[in-house]
Every structure is written in C-alpha cells, then in structure tokens.
Amino acid sequence: MRDPVRERYYRHRAPVYDVTSYRGDAVVDAALDQETADIGELLAALAEGRVLDVGCGTGVWTQFLRGPVTALDQSAEMLALARARVPHVQPVQALFPPLPFIDGAFDRILTANFYGLLRPDERAAFLAEARRTASELVVVDLRSDGSRHEEAIESRTVAGTTYPIFRRRFTPESLQAELGGELMYCGRYFLAVRV
C-alpha cells in the first residue's frame, strides 16, 4: 500500500542506512553486530530454496540467504545497495499489494525490519500475499526496549528533513501471538519468528 512519506524517507535514507540504523554507541553497535551474525547463522542454516526477501533494504539480511534469492524493495536506491552487497540477487522494485509473483513462486519469504512498519490493513494484505506466494515465512523485527509491545509514530530525521514513521516494536510474546509459528531467535534488539 502506497505510503509516500515512507517511500521518500527510505529513498532519502538509503545512502546512510547501514551506518545510522540504531547506531552510535560502541556497546550497542557490538551487540547489534553480534545479533545480526547470530540471526544470519540461523538463516544460512535453513534449507536451501527459492527465497524472496521483502523490504530487503541494503541487503544486510539478504546476504545470509541460500538458493535463488529475489530481493524486493520499493526503493531503487536500497536495491542498488543490496545488489552491491549480494551481487547474485535478483532485484525487483515494487510496492505491494499484491506481491508481483505467481502463486507458490517461493519456498520461503524473509522480511526483516519491515513487518513492524505495517499498519493493520497492510499487515493483513502482506500476510495473505506471503501465504499465496510461499510455503514459509520468516519475520525478523525489532524487540521493544521494555516488557510491552510498542506502537507509535516516530520522528526520524535525515539531512535536516523529519519524517513521521509508523513503527511497532515487539515482545517475544506479541510477535509470536500475532504470527504463530516458532520463535527462532530472541535477542536484546531483534526477534525472529518462523511460520
């Protein structure tokens, strides 16, 4: 579903995304890097298959996927960065719904730090499309800072421009209750569920 503000924000942020995403404190940076590596090992250990990375961003998580990998993002700028990081990936620039693929086109869909950006109608559309196009879904997203599920409009500033971005941060219980499936990873900063 088209969100022009979100589209502009990620287009504008693409060049600095990796160095600014929740970064700035050496201890936090090290923990984020470790959790990314931990989840990367889990993703790499999954059975090889046809994989779609929805909202691939700069390819941070895409690089761990095995098999023929398609990377989808709304931003040409993000896709260019993902392609530089993972040269063998098949990039697709598109908005959803629908996902621009036939029924059963993939064995697995990964989405990382994307699901938490979706409002209720977008979430329902995404989950329906994920079920239509793949037999498995892996969602990696942000863990809340406390013991409560968080949902808010966050103000994010890039080069002097501020964008209001809807964002949810999950508890392990809230993400698993919403999606079902198996809690694959429970870290301080990230959670992963496999459905």
Protein backbone atom coordinates (compact mmCIF):
# COMPACT_ATOMS: atom_id res chain seq x y z
CA MET A 1 0.00 0.00 0.00
CA ARG A 2 1.40 3.27 -1.03
CA ASP A 3 2.80 5.49 1.72
CA PRO A 4 4.53 8.45 0.01
CA VAL A 5 6.14 9.64 3.25
CA ARG A 6 7.65 6.20 3.95
CA GLU A 7 8.79 5.95 0.32
CA ARG A 8 10.57 9.33 0.46
CA TYR A 9 12.11 8.54 3.83
CA TYR A 10 13.74 5.27 2.72
CA ARG A 11 14.86 6.74 -0.61
CA HIS A 12 16.46 9.65 1.27
CA ARG A 13 17.96 7.44 3.96
CA ALA A 14 19.39 4.69 1.74
CA PRO A 15 22.95 6.08 1.49
CA VAL A 16 23.33 6.30 5.28
CA TYR A 17 21.03 3.47 6.38
CA ASP A 18 23.67 0.95 7.48
CA VAL A 19 25.74 3.43 9.47
CA THR A 20 22.80 5.12 11.18
CA SER A 21 20.41 2.26 11.96
CA TYR A 22 20.28 2.26 15.75
CA ARG A 23 23.98 3.07 15.78
CA GLY A 24 26.21 5.41 17.74
CA ASP A 25 27.13 3.65 20.97
CA ALA A 26 30.06 1.19 20.79
CA VAL A 27 28.45 -1.32 23.17
CA VAL A 28 25.12 -1.22 21.32
CA ASP A 29 26.88 -1.42 17.95
CA ALA A 30 28.76 -4.56 19.04
CA ALA A 31 25.55 -6.16 20.34
CA LEU A 32 23.68 -5.33 17.11
CA ASP A 33 26.51 -6.81 15.04
CA GLN A 34 26.51 -9.97 17.17
CA GLU A 35 22.74 -10.41 16.94
CA THR A 36 22.86 -9.83 13.17
CA ALA A 37 25.54 -12.52 12.89
CA ASP A 38 23.55 -14.89 15.13
CA ILE A 39 20.38 -14.49 13.06
CA GLY A 40 22.47 -14.73 9.90
CA GLU A 41 23.69 -18.16 11.01
CA LEU A 42 20.10 -19.27 11.60
CA LEU A 43 19.04 -18.02 8.16
CA ALA A 44 22.02 -19.68 6.47
CA ALA A 45 21.16 -22.97 8.21
CA LEU A 46 17.64 -23.07 6.73
CA ALA A 47 17.10 -25.47 3.84
CA GLU A 48 18.17 -24.01 0.53
CA GLY A 49 15.30 -22.96 -1.69
CA ARG A 50 13.71 -20.19 -3.72
CA VAL A 51 13.70 -17.20 -1.35
CA LEU A 52 12.08 -13.78 -1.55
CA ASP A 53 13.39 -11.04 0.75
CA VAL A 54 10.56 -8.49 1.09
CA GLY A 55 11.71 -4.99 2.07
CA CYS A 56 15.31 -6.08 1.56
CA GLY A 57 16.77 -2.64 2.21
CA THR A 58 20.54 -2.67 1.79
CA GLY A 59 20.76 -6.47 1.82
CA VAL A 60 22.04 -6.85 5.40
CA TRP A 61 19.89 -9.97 5.87
CA THR A 62 19.75 -10.95 2.19
CA GLN A 63 23.43 -11.89 2.27
CA PHE A 64 22.69 -14.87 4.54
CA LEU A 65 20.04 -16.48 2.32
CA ARG A 66 20.85 -19.63 0.32
CA GLY A 67 19.43 -20.62 -3.03
CA PRO A 68 17.99 -18.45 -5.79
CA VAL A 69 17.25 -15.18 -4.00
CA THR A 70 14.94 -12.40 -5.14
CA ALA A 71 15.21 -9.10 -3.28
CA LEU A 72 12.17 -6.82 -3.35
CA ASP A 73 12.08 -3.22 -2.19
CA GLN A 74 10.12 -0.08 -3.08
CA SER A 75 13.34 1.94 -3.24
CA ALA A 76 15.67 1.75 -6.24
CA GLU A 77 18.36 3.26 -4.02
CA MET A 78 18.03 0.46 -1.44
CA LEU A 79 18.00 -2.19 -4.18
CA ALA A 80 21.22 -0.81 -5.65
CA LEU A 81 22.90 -1.14 -2.26
CA ALA A 82 21.52 -4.67 -1.80
CA ARG A 83 22.79 -5.66 -5.24
CA ALA A 84 26.26 -4.29 -4.41
CA ARG A 85 26.31 -6.34 -1.18
CA VAL A 86 24.80 -9.51 -2.76
CA PRO A 87 25.69 -9.47 -6.48
CA HIS A 88 23.85 -12.74 -7.31
CA VAL A 89 20.49 -11.47 -6.05
CA GLN A 90 17.61 -10.83 -8.46
CA PRO A 91 16.38 -7.30 -7.63
CA VAL A 92 12.72 -6.34 -8.03
CA GLN A 93 11.45 -2.81 -7.38
CA ALA A 94 7.77 -2.88 -6.44
CA LEU A 95 5.14 -1.85 -3.95
CA PHE A 96 2.57 -4.28 -2.62
CA PRO A 97 -0.13 -5.49 -2.59
CA PRO A 98 0.00 -7.62 -4.49
CA LEU A 99 3.44 -9.18 -4.47
CA PRO A 100 4.26 -9.32 -8.19
CA PHE A 101 4.75 -13.10 -8.32
CA ILE A 102 2.67 -16.15 -9.16
CA ASP A 103 1.15 -18.41 -6.52
CA GLY A 104 3.77 -20.63 -4.90
CA ALA A 105 6.67 -18.85 -6.57
CA PHE A 106 8.90 -19.21 -3.49
CA ASP A 107 9.75 -21.75 -0.84
CA ARG A 108 10.35 -19.05 1.77
CA ILE A 109 9.80 -15.35 2.31
CA LEU A 110 12.05 -13.42 4.64
CA THR A 111 11.15 -9.97 5.83
CA ALA A 112 13.41 -8.14 8.25
CA ASN A 113 12.61 -4.83 9.95
CA PHE A 114 9.70 -4.40 7.55
CA TYR A 115 6.71 -6.11 9.18
CA GLY A 116 6.84 -3.67 12.11
CA LEU A 117 6.33 -0.75 9.71
CA LEU A 118 2.98 -2.04 8.50
CA ARG A 119 -0.37 -0.74 9.70
CA PRO A 120 -3.21 -3.26 10.31
CA ASP A 121 -4.61 -3.27 6.74
CA GLU A 122 -1.08 -3.53 5.30
CA ARG A 123 -0.24 -6.41 7.67
CA ALA A 124 -3.33 -8.36 6.61
CA ALA A 125 -2.51 -7.82 2.93
CA PHE A 126 1.13 -8.78 3.42
CA LEU A 127 0.32 -11.99 5.32
CA ALA A 128 -2.24 -13.02 2.68
CA GLU A 129 0.30 -12.40 -0.08
CA ALA A 130 3.03 -14.25 1.82
CA ARG A 131 0.72 -17.28 2.17
CA ARG A 132 -0.14 -17.08 -1.52
CA THR A 133 3.42 -16.91 -2.80
CA ALA A 134 5.44 -19.04 -0.34
CA SER A 135 5.09 -22.03 1.95
CA GLU A 136 7.14 -20.49 4.76
CA LEU A 137 7.57 -17.01 6.24
CA VAL A 138 10.42 -15.79 8.44
CA VAL A 139 9.91 -12.43 10.14
CA VAL A 140 12.84 -10.65 11.80
CA ASP A 141 11.93 -7.44 13.58
CA LEU A 142 12.76 -5.10 16.42
CA ARG A 143 12.31 -6.06 20.04
CA SER A 144 10.77 -3.47 22.34
CA ASP A 145 13.02 -1.83 24.91
CA GLY A 146 10.78 -2.97 27.75
CA SER A 147 8.29 -5.66 28.54
CA ARG A 148 5.47 -4.11 26.48
CA HIS A 149 4.61 -4.17 22.82
CA GLU A 150 5.19 -0.66 21.42
CA GLU A 151 3.33 1.06 18.60
CA ALA A 152 3.90 4.72 17.75
CA ILE A 153 4.66 7.34 15.15
CA GLU A 154 8.40 8.00 15.40
CA SER A 155 10.02 11.20 14.14
CA ARG A 156 13.07 10.37 12.08
CA THR A 157 15.37 13.00 10.65
CA VAL A 158 17.67 12.59 7.64
CA ALA A 159 19.82 15.52 6.49
CA GLY A 160 17.53 18.06 8.12
CA THR A 161 14.23 16.59 6.91
CA THR A 162 11.96 14.97 9.50
CA TYR A 163 9.61 12.14 8.61
CA PRO A 164 6.78 10.68 10.73
CA ILE A 165 7.21 6.90 10.50
CA PHE A 166 4.79 4.35 11.96
CA ARG A 167 6.76 1.69 13.84
CA ARG A 168 5.97 -1.28 16.04
CA ARG A 169 8.45 -2.94 18.39
CA PHE A 170 7.55 -6.38 19.64
CA THR A 171 7.89 -8.50 22.72
CA PRO A 172 8.63 -12.17 22.01
CA GLU A 173 5.08 -12.95 23.11
CA SER A 174 3.41 -10.28 20.98
CA LEU A 175 5.23 -11.26 17.79
CA GLN A 176 4.62 -14.97 18.25
CA ALA A 177 0.98 -14.42 19.29
CA GLU A 178 0.39 -12.35 16.15
CA LEU A 179 2.12 -14.68 13.70
CA GLY A 180 2.11 -18.09 15.39
CA GLY A 181 4.92 -20.40 14.40
CA GLU A 182 8.28 -20.90 16.07
CA LEU A 183 10.27 -18.23 17.89
CA MET A 184 13.65 -18.79 16.20
CA TYR A 185 15.57 -16.03 17.91
CA CYS A 186 15.08 -13.88 20.98
CA GLY A 187 17.76 -11.26 21.45
CA ARG A 188 18.00 -7.89 23.16
CA TYR A 189 17.42 -5.99 19.90
CA PHE A 190 15.92 -8.47 17.43
CA LEU A 191 13.33 -11.24 17.36
CA ALA A 192 12.75 -13.84 14.65
CA VAL A 193 9.69 -15.98 14.06
CA ARG A 194 9.33 -18.78 11.51
CA VAL A 195 5.80 -19.55 10.35
